[in-house]
Amino acid sequence: MAKLILTQEVTGLGASGDVVDVRSGYARNYLLPRGFALAWTKGGEKDVERLRSARKAREIATVEEAQAVATKLQSAPVKITVKTGDSGRLFGTVGSAQIADAVEASGLGSIDKRTVEIPARIKAVGSYKATVRLHADVSATLDLQVVGSK
């Protein structure tokens, strides 16, 4: 087992600043190379506090506020305009940063790109769903409309 400090939120494992014990293969092959975690050390307690304070600054404080933001996000579909080829296939994929920018551009508020979860890669025009984790107990489902432009 390996003891790690998470630097980003990992679904099913923990949030930024959490100290977790995971299998060494998972740590060595997935979490550490992608920058999701740091090796735990005794001097790492300062890093833990810094990560936790940064997480508190960007997360929504109460469950009621998170539910209000969730109903606002679920009220209307979010339109994302991307460059496409003749067959409707995208040049690249739609990422969580583009979704967060589109939510803000549509006037539904601002969300952190790290809280957006896309179940599968978006590579073509059409309708998709994405999940936004607003609070530990509250998440919202976004309806995405990916529209192509040449």
N, C-alpha and C. Protein backbone atom coordinates (compact mmCIF):
# COMPACT_ATOMS: atom_id res chain seq x y z
N MET A 1 0.84 -1.18 0.00
CA MET A 1 0.00 0.00 0.00
C MET A 1 0.89 1.24 0.00
N ALA A 2 0.40 2.29 -0.68
CA ALA A 2 1.13 3.54 -0.75
C ALA A 2 0.28 4.65 -0.13
N LYS A 3 0.90 5.53 0.60
CA LYS A 3 0.21 6.65 1.22
C LYS A 3 0.48 7.88 0.37
N LEU A 4 -0.60 8.54 -0.10
CA LEU A 4 -0.48 9.67 -1.02
C LEU A 4 -1.30 10.86 -0.56
N ILE A 5 -0.93 12.03 -1.04
CA ILE A 5 -1.71 13.26 -0.85
C ILE A 5 -2.31 13.60 -2.21
N LEU A 6 -3.64 13.65 -2.30
CA LEU A 6 -4.30 13.97 -3.56
C LEU A 6 -4.15 15.46 -3.87
N THR A 7 -3.79 15.77 -5.12
CA THR A 7 -3.67 17.16 -5.54
C THR A 7 -4.89 17.61 -6.33
N GLN A 8 -5.69 16.66 -6.80
CA GLN A 8 -6.92 16.95 -7.52
C GLN A 8 -7.99 15.99 -7.02
N GLU A 9 -9.24 16.30 -7.33
CA GLU A 9 -10.32 15.41 -6.94
C GLU A 9 -10.33 14.20 -7.86
N VAL A 10 -10.35 13.01 -7.27
CA VAL A 10 -10.40 11.76 -8.01
C VAL A 10 -11.70 11.07 -7.61
N THR A 11 -12.55 10.80 -8.60
CA THR A 11 -13.85 10.21 -8.34
C THR A 11 -13.70 8.86 -7.66
N GLY A 12 -14.40 8.68 -6.56
CA GLY A 12 -14.38 7.43 -5.84
C GLY A 12 -13.21 7.28 -4.88
N LEU A 13 -12.32 8.27 -4.84
CA LEU A 13 -11.16 8.17 -3.97
C LEU A 13 -11.10 9.30 -2.95
N GLY A 14 -11.24 10.53 -3.40
CA GLY A 14 -11.19 11.65 -2.47
C GLY A 14 -11.01 12.97 -3.19
N ALA A 15 -10.89 14.02 -2.40
CA ALA A 15 -10.77 15.37 -2.94
C ALA A 15 -9.35 15.89 -2.71
N SER A 16 -9.08 17.03 -3.26
CA SER A 16 -7.78 17.66 -3.14
C SER A 16 -7.43 17.89 -1.67
N GLY A 17 -6.22 17.47 -1.28
CA GLY A 17 -5.78 17.65 0.09
C GLY A 17 -6.03 16.45 0.98
N ASP A 18 -6.71 15.44 0.50
CA ASP A 18 -6.96 14.24 1.30
C ASP A 18 -5.73 13.33 1.28
N VAL A 19 -5.47 12.69 2.39
CA VAL A 19 -4.40 11.70 2.48
C VAL A 19 -5.06 10.32 2.37
N VAL A 20 -4.65 9.54 1.37
CA VAL A 20 -5.30 8.25 1.10
C VAL A 20 -4.25 7.13 1.03
N ASP A 21 -4.71 5.92 1.31
CA ASP A 21 -3.90 4.72 1.13
C ASP A 21 -4.45 3.97 -0.07
N VAL A 22 -3.61 3.75 -1.07
CA VAL A 22 -4.01 3.02 -2.27
C VAL A 22 -2.98 1.94 -2.56
N ARG A 23 -3.34 1.04 -3.43
CA ARG A 23 -2.38 0.01 -3.84
C ARG A 23 -1.23 0.66 -4.60
N SER A 24 -0.05 0.10 -4.42
CA SER A 24 1.13 0.73 -5.00
C SER A 24 1.11 0.76 -6.52
N GLY A 25 0.51 -0.22 -7.17
CA GLY A 25 0.42 -0.20 -8.63
C GLY A 25 -0.47 0.92 -9.13
N TYR A 26 -1.59 1.16 -8.46
CA TYR A 26 -2.50 2.24 -8.81
C TYR A 26 -1.81 3.59 -8.63
N ALA A 27 -1.04 3.72 -7.56
CA ALA A 27 -0.30 4.95 -7.31
C ALA A 27 0.79 5.14 -8.36
N ARG A 28 1.57 4.12 -8.59
CA ARG A 28 2.73 4.21 -9.49
C ARG A 28 2.32 4.39 -10.96
N ASN A 29 1.25 3.71 -11.38
CA ASN A 29 0.90 3.70 -12.80
C ASN A 29 -0.16 4.71 -13.20
N TYR A 30 -0.95 5.20 -12.25
CA TYR A 30 -2.04 6.10 -12.61
C TYR A 30 -1.98 7.45 -11.91
N LEU A 31 -2.00 7.45 -10.59
CA LEU A 31 -2.13 8.70 -9.85
C LEU A 31 -0.89 9.59 -9.95
N LEU A 32 0.27 9.04 -9.73
CA LEU A 32 1.50 9.85 -9.74
C LEU A 32 1.88 10.36 -11.13
N PRO A 33 1.85 9.53 -12.20
CA PRO A 33 2.22 10.06 -13.52
C PRO A 33 1.28 11.14 -14.04
N ARG A 34 0.01 11.07 -13.69
CA ARG A 34 -0.96 12.06 -14.18
C ARG A 34 -1.01 13.31 -13.30
N GLY A 35 -0.28 13.33 -12.22
CA GLY A 35 -0.24 14.48 -11.34
C GLY A 35 -1.44 14.60 -10.42
N PHE A 36 -2.17 13.50 -10.22
CA PHE A 36 -3.34 13.52 -9.34
C PHE A 36 -2.94 13.43 -7.87
N ALA A 37 -1.70 13.02 -7.58
CA ALA A 37 -1.28 12.83 -6.20
C ALA A 37 0.22 13.06 -6.05
N LEU A 38 0.63 13.27 -4.80
CA LEU A 38 2.04 13.38 -4.42
C LEU A 38 2.31 12.33 -3.35
N ALA A 39 3.55 11.88 -3.30
CA ALA A 39 3.91 10.93 -2.25
C ALA A 39 3.83 11.62 -0.89
N TRP A 40 3.30 10.91 0.10
CA TRP A 40 3.13 11.48 1.43
C TRP A 40 4.47 11.47 2.15
N THR A 41 4.80 12.62 2.75
CA THR A 41 5.99 12.74 3.59
C THR A 41 5.60 13.49 4.85
N LYS A 42 6.46 13.45 5.86
CA LYS A 42 6.17 14.18 7.08
C LYS A 42 6.16 15.68 6.85
N GLY A 43 6.96 16.15 5.93
CA GLY A 43 6.98 17.58 5.60
C GLY A 43 5.82 17.98 4.69
N GLY A 44 5.06 17.01 4.23
CA GLY A 44 3.95 17.29 3.32
C GLY A 44 2.71 17.84 4.00
N GLU A 45 2.71 17.97 5.31
CA GLU A 45 1.54 18.50 6.02
C GLU A 45 1.24 19.93 5.59
N LYS A 46 2.29 20.72 5.26
CA LYS A 46 2.06 22.08 4.76
C LYS A 46 1.32 22.05 3.42
N ASP A 47 1.69 21.07 2.58
CA ASP A 47 1.01 20.92 1.29
C ASP A 47 -0.45 20.55 1.49
N VAL A 48 -0.73 19.69 2.46
CA VAL A 48 -2.10 19.26 2.74
C VAL A 48 -2.94 20.47 3.13
N GLU A 49 -2.44 21.30 4.01
CA GLU A 49 -3.19 22.48 4.45
C GLU A 49 -3.39 23.46 3.31
N ARG A 50 -2.38 23.65 2.47
CA ARG A 50 -2.49 24.56 1.33
C ARG A 50 -3.54 24.05 0.34
N LEU A 51 -3.54 22.76 0.05
CA LEU A 51 -4.51 22.18 -0.88
C LEU A 51 -5.93 22.26 -0.32
N ARG A 52 -6.08 22.00 0.98
CA ARG A 52 -7.42 22.08 1.59
C ARG A 52 -7.96 23.50 1.59
N SER A 53 -7.11 24.48 1.86
CA SER A 53 -7.59 25.87 1.86
C SER A 53 -7.95 26.32 0.45
N ALA A 54 -7.21 25.87 -0.57
CA ALA A 54 -7.55 26.20 -1.95
C ALA A 54 -8.86 25.55 -2.35
N ARG A 55 -9.10 24.31 -1.88
CA ARG A 55 -10.35 23.62 -2.19
C ARG A 55 -11.53 24.34 -1.54
N LYS A 56 -11.38 24.77 -0.29
CA LYS A 56 -12.46 25.49 0.40
C LYS A 56 -12.78 26.80 -0.28
N ALA A 57 -11.78 27.45 -0.84
CA ALA A 57 -12.00 28.75 -1.49
C ALA A 57 -12.84 28.61 -2.75
N ARG A 58 -12.71 27.48 -3.46
CA ARG A 58 -13.43 27.37 -4.73
C ARG A 58 -14.71 26.53 -4.65
N GLU A 59 -14.97 25.86 -3.53
CA GLU A 59 -16.18 25.05 -3.45
C GLU A 59 -17.35 25.86 -2.88
N ILE A 60 -18.53 25.41 -3.17
CA ILE A 60 -19.75 26.07 -2.69
C ILE A 60 -19.93 25.71 -1.22
N ALA A 61 -20.25 26.71 -0.41
CA ALA A 61 -20.23 26.57 1.04
C ALA A 61 -21.33 25.66 1.59
N THR A 62 -22.57 25.87 1.17
CA THR A 62 -23.66 25.10 1.78
C THR A 62 -24.39 24.24 0.76
N VAL A 63 -25.12 23.28 1.27
CA VAL A 63 -25.89 22.38 0.41
C VAL A 63 -27.02 23.15 -0.28
N GLU A 64 -27.63 24.10 0.40
CA GLU A 64 -28.72 24.88 -0.18
C GLU A 64 -28.25 25.68 -1.39
N GLU A 65 -27.07 26.31 -1.26
CA GLU A 65 -26.51 27.05 -2.39
C GLU A 65 -26.21 26.12 -3.55
N ALA A 66 -25.67 24.96 -3.26
CA ALA A 66 -25.35 23.99 -4.30
C ALA A 66 -26.62 23.51 -5.01
N GLN A 67 -27.70 23.29 -4.26
CA GLN A 67 -28.95 22.86 -4.88
C GLN A 67 -29.53 23.97 -5.76
N ALA A 68 -29.38 25.22 -5.35
CA ALA A 68 -29.86 26.33 -6.16
C ALA A 68 -29.08 26.41 -7.48
N VAL A 69 -27.76 26.23 -7.41
CA VAL A 69 -26.94 26.24 -8.62
C VAL A 69 -27.28 25.04 -9.50
N ALA A 70 -27.57 23.89 -8.89
CA ALA A 70 -27.91 22.69 -9.65
C ALA A 70 -29.21 22.87 -10.43
N THR A 71 -30.23 23.46 -9.81
CA THR A 71 -31.49 23.68 -10.53
C THR A 71 -31.29 24.68 -11.66
N LYS A 72 -30.43 25.65 -11.46
CA LYS A 72 -30.14 26.63 -12.50
C LYS A 72 -29.43 25.97 -13.68
N LEU A 73 -28.47 25.08 -13.39
CA LEU A 73 -27.72 24.40 -14.45
C LEU A 73 -28.59 23.42 -15.23
N GLN A 74 -29.56 22.80 -14.56
CA GLN A 74 -30.41 21.82 -15.22
C GLN A 74 -31.58 22.45 -15.95
N SER A 75 -31.75 23.76 -15.83
CA SER A 75 -32.92 24.43 -16.40
C SER A 75 -32.88 24.51 -17.92
N ALA A 76 -31.72 24.65 -18.51
CA ALA A 76 -31.63 24.84 -19.95
C ALA A 76 -30.41 24.09 -20.50
N PRO A 77 -30.48 23.64 -21.76
CA PRO A 77 -29.31 22.98 -22.35
C PRO A 77 -28.20 24.00 -22.63
N VAL A 78 -26.98 23.53 -22.60
CA VAL A 78 -25.82 24.36 -22.86
C VAL A 78 -25.35 24.08 -24.29
N LYS A 79 -25.23 25.14 -25.08
CA LYS A 79 -24.84 25.00 -26.48
C LYS A 79 -23.35 25.25 -26.62
N ILE A 80 -22.66 24.30 -27.28
CA ILE A 80 -21.23 24.40 -27.52
C ILE A 80 -21.01 24.37 -29.02
N THR A 81 -20.40 25.41 -29.56
CA THR A 81 -20.12 25.48 -30.99
C THR A 81 -18.64 25.15 -31.22
N VAL A 82 -18.40 24.15 -32.07
CA VAL A 82 -17.03 23.69 -32.34
C VAL A 82 -16.82 23.53 -33.84
N LYS A 83 -15.56 23.51 -34.25
CA LYS A 83 -15.24 23.30 -35.65
C LYS A 83 -15.43 21.82 -36.00
N THR A 84 -16.04 21.57 -37.16
CA THR A 84 -16.27 20.20 -37.60
C THR A 84 -15.87 20.04 -39.06
N GLY A 85 -15.73 18.79 -39.45
CA GLY A 85 -15.47 18.46 -40.84
C GLY A 85 -16.79 18.29 -41.58
N ASP A 86 -16.72 17.80 -42.81
CA ASP A 86 -17.92 17.63 -43.62
C ASP A 86 -18.87 16.57 -43.05
N SER A 87 -18.36 15.56 -42.39
CA SER A 87 -19.19 14.47 -41.88
C SER A 87 -19.78 14.75 -40.50
N GLY A 88 -19.50 15.91 -39.92
CA GLY A 88 -20.01 16.23 -38.59
C GLY A 88 -19.09 15.78 -37.48
N ARG A 89 -17.93 15.29 -37.84
CA ARG A 89 -16.94 14.86 -36.84
C ARG A 89 -16.11 16.07 -36.42
N LEU A 90 -15.82 16.14 -35.12
CA LEU A 90 -15.09 17.28 -34.58
C LEU A 90 -13.60 17.20 -34.87
N PHE A 91 -12.96 18.35 -34.90
CA PHE A 91 -11.50 18.41 -34.92
C PHE A 91 -11.06 18.40 -33.46
N GLY A 92 -10.78 17.22 -32.92
CA GLY A 92 -10.44 17.09 -31.51
C GLY A 92 -11.66 16.63 -30.73
N THR A 93 -11.67 16.91 -29.43
CA THR A 93 -12.80 16.54 -28.57
C THR A 93 -13.23 17.73 -27.73
N VAL A 94 -14.42 17.65 -27.18
CA VAL A 94 -14.92 18.68 -26.27
C VAL A 94 -14.47 18.28 -24.87
N GLY A 95 -13.77 19.17 -24.20
CA GLY A 95 -13.26 18.89 -22.86
C GLY A 95 -14.02 19.63 -21.79
N SER A 96 -13.63 19.37 -20.56
CA SER A 96 -14.32 19.97 -19.42
C SER A 96 -14.11 21.48 -19.37
N ALA A 97 -12.98 21.97 -19.85
CA ALA A 97 -12.75 23.42 -19.87
C ALA A 97 -13.70 24.11 -20.84
N GLN A 98 -13.94 23.50 -22.01
CA GLN A 98 -14.88 24.07 -22.97
C GLN A 98 -16.30 24.06 -22.41
N ILE A 99 -16.66 23.02 -21.69
CA ILE A 99 -17.99 22.95 -21.09
C ILE A 99 -18.15 24.03 -20.03
N ALA A 100 -17.14 24.23 -19.19
CA ALA A 100 -17.20 25.26 -18.16
C ALA A 100 -17.31 26.65 -18.79
N ASP A 101 -16.57 26.89 -19.87
CA ASP A 101 -16.65 28.17 -20.57
C ASP A 101 -18.03 28.38 -21.20
N ALA A 102 -18.61 27.31 -21.76
CA ALA A 102 -19.93 27.41 -22.38
C ALA A 102 -21.02 27.67 -21.35
N VAL A 103 -20.89 27.10 -20.16
CA VAL A 103 -21.86 27.34 -19.09
C VAL A 103 -21.81 28.81 -18.68
N GLU A 104 -20.62 29.35 -18.57
CA GLU A 104 -20.48 30.75 -18.19
C GLU A 104 -20.98 31.67 -19.30
N ALA A 105 -20.71 31.31 -20.56
CA ALA A 105 -21.17 32.13 -21.68
C ALA A 105 -22.68 32.11 -21.83
N SER A 106 -23.33 31.02 -21.42
CA SER A 106 -24.79 30.94 -21.54
C SER A 106 -25.50 31.65 -20.40
N GLY A 107 -24.76 32.17 -19.44
CA GLY A 107 -25.35 32.95 -18.35
C GLY A 107 -25.87 32.11 -17.20
N LEU A 108 -25.42 30.86 -17.07
CA LEU A 108 -25.88 29.99 -15.99
C LEU A 108 -24.97 30.03 -14.78
N GLY A 109 -23.96 30.89 -14.79
CA GLY A 109 -23.03 30.99 -13.68
C GLY A 109 -21.68 30.42 -14.07
N SER A 110 -20.75 30.46 -13.15
CA SER A 110 -19.43 29.91 -13.43
C SER A 110 -19.21 28.65 -12.59
N ILE A 111 -18.59 27.66 -13.22
CA ILE A 111 -18.27 26.41 -12.54
C ILE A 111 -16.79 26.11 -12.76
N ASP A 112 -16.24 25.33 -11.89
CA ASP A 112 -14.84 24.94 -12.00
C ASP A 112 -14.73 23.77 -12.97
N LYS A 113 -13.77 23.84 -13.89
CA LYS A 113 -13.64 22.78 -14.88
C LYS A 113 -13.29 21.44 -14.26
N ARG A 114 -12.71 21.44 -13.07
CA ARG A 114 -12.35 20.19 -12.41
C ARG A 114 -13.55 19.45 -11.85
N THR A 115 -14.70 20.11 -11.78
CA THR A 115 -15.89 19.46 -11.23
C THR A 115 -16.76 18.83 -12.33
N VAL A 116 -16.38 19.01 -13.59
CA VAL A 116 -17.16 18.48 -14.71
C VAL A 116 -16.68 17.07 -15.03
N GLU A 117 -17.62 16.13 -15.08
CA GLU A 117 -17.31 14.74 -15.44
C GLU A 117 -18.04 14.39 -16.73
N ILE A 118 -17.27 13.98 -17.73
CA ILE A 118 -17.83 13.59 -19.02
C ILE A 118 -17.73 12.07 -19.11
N PRO A 119 -18.87 11.36 -19.28
CA PRO A 119 -18.83 9.89 -19.27
C PRO A 119 -18.05 9.29 -20.45
N ALA A 120 -18.12 9.89 -21.62
CA ALA A 120 -17.40 9.38 -22.79
C ALA A 120 -16.89 10.57 -23.60
N ARG A 121 -15.89 10.35 -24.40
CA ARG A 121 -15.33 11.44 -25.21
C ARG A 121 -16.38 11.95 -26.18
N ILE A 122 -16.42 13.25 -26.33
CA ILE A 122 -17.36 13.88 -27.26
C ILE A 122 -16.60 14.19 -28.53
N LYS A 123 -16.86 13.40 -29.59
CA LYS A 123 -16.12 13.54 -30.84
C LYS A 123 -17.01 13.87 -32.03
N ALA A 124 -18.33 13.99 -31.82
CA ALA A 124 -19.24 14.27 -32.92
C ALA A 124 -20.31 15.24 -32.45
N VAL A 125 -21.01 15.82 -33.40
CA VAL A 125 -22.10 16.74 -33.08
C VAL A 125 -23.27 15.94 -32.54
N GLY A 126 -24.03 16.56 -31.64
CA GLY A 126 -25.20 15.88 -31.08
C GLY A 126 -25.49 16.31 -29.66
N SER A 127 -26.34 15.52 -29.01
CA SER A 127 -26.73 15.80 -27.62
C SER A 127 -25.98 14.87 -26.68
N TYR A 128 -25.49 15.43 -25.60
CA TYR A 128 -24.72 14.66 -24.62
C TYR A 128 -25.12 15.09 -23.22
N LYS A 129 -24.71 14.30 -22.25
CA LYS A 129 -24.94 14.61 -20.84
C LYS A 129 -23.58 14.65 -20.13
N ALA A 130 -23.46 15.57 -19.18
CA ALA A 130 -22.27 15.66 -18.34
C ALA A 130 -22.72 15.90 -16.91
N THR A 131 -21.92 15.49 -15.95
CA THR A 131 -22.25 15.66 -14.55
C THR A 131 -21.31 16.69 -13.93
N VAL A 132 -21.89 17.58 -13.13
CA VAL A 132 -21.11 18.59 -12.43
C VAL A 132 -21.25 18.33 -10.93
N ARG A 133 -20.13 18.10 -10.25
CA ARG A 133 -20.13 17.88 -8.80
C ARG A 133 -20.02 19.24 -8.12
N LEU A 134 -21.11 19.71 -7.54
CA LEU A 134 -21.14 21.03 -6.93
C LEU A 134 -20.79 21.01 -5.45
N HIS A 135 -21.11 19.92 -4.79
CA HIS A 135 -20.88 19.77 -3.36
C HIS A 135 -20.73 18.27 -3.11
N ALA A 136 -20.32 17.90 -1.93
CA ALA A 136 -20.16 16.47 -1.63
C ALA A 136 -21.47 15.71 -1.78
N ASP A 137 -22.61 16.38 -1.50
CA ASP A 137 -23.91 15.73 -1.56
C ASP A 137 -24.75 16.13 -2.78
N VAL A 138 -24.29 17.09 -3.58
CA VAL A 138 -25.10 17.62 -4.67
C VAL A 138 -24.33 17.57 -5.98
N SER A 139 -24.98 17.01 -7.00
CA SER A 139 -24.42 17.05 -8.35
C SER A 139 -25.55 17.38 -9.32
N ALA A 140 -25.18 17.97 -10.44
CA ALA A 140 -26.16 18.37 -11.44
C ALA A 140 -25.83 17.71 -12.77
N THR A 141 -26.86 17.41 -13.55
CA THR A 141 -26.67 16.83 -14.88
C THR A 141 -26.89 17.93 -15.91
N LEU A 142 -25.88 18.15 -16.73
CA LEU A 142 -25.96 19.16 -17.79
C LEU A 142 -26.40 18.51 -19.09
N ASP A 143 -27.31 19.16 -19.81
CA ASP A 143 -27.65 18.74 -21.16
C ASP A 143 -26.78 19.57 -22.10
N LEU A 144 -25.95 18.90 -22.91
CA LEU A 144 -25.05 19.59 -23.82
C LEU A 144 -25.55 19.42 -25.25
N GLN A 145 -25.55 20.49 -25.99
CA GLN A 145 -25.87 20.48 -27.42
C GLN A 145 -24.61 20.89 -28.16
N VAL A 146 -23.94 19.93 -28.78
CA VAL A 146 -22.72 20.21 -29.53
C VAL A 146 -23.12 20.49 -30.97
N VAL A 147 -22.81 21.72 -31.43
CA VAL A 147 -23.20 22.18 -32.75
C VAL A 147 -21.92 22.47 -33.53
N GLY A 148 -21.91 22.10 -34.79
CA GLY A 148 -20.72 22.28 -35.60
C GLY A 148 -20.74 23.56 -36.42
N SER A 149 -19.56 24.08 -36.67
CA SER A 149 -19.37 25.22 -37.57
C SER A 149 -18.17 24.91 -38.43
N LYS A 150 -18.19 25.39 -39.63
CA LYS A 150 -17.07 25.07 -40.56
C LYS A 150 -16.08 26.17 -40.63
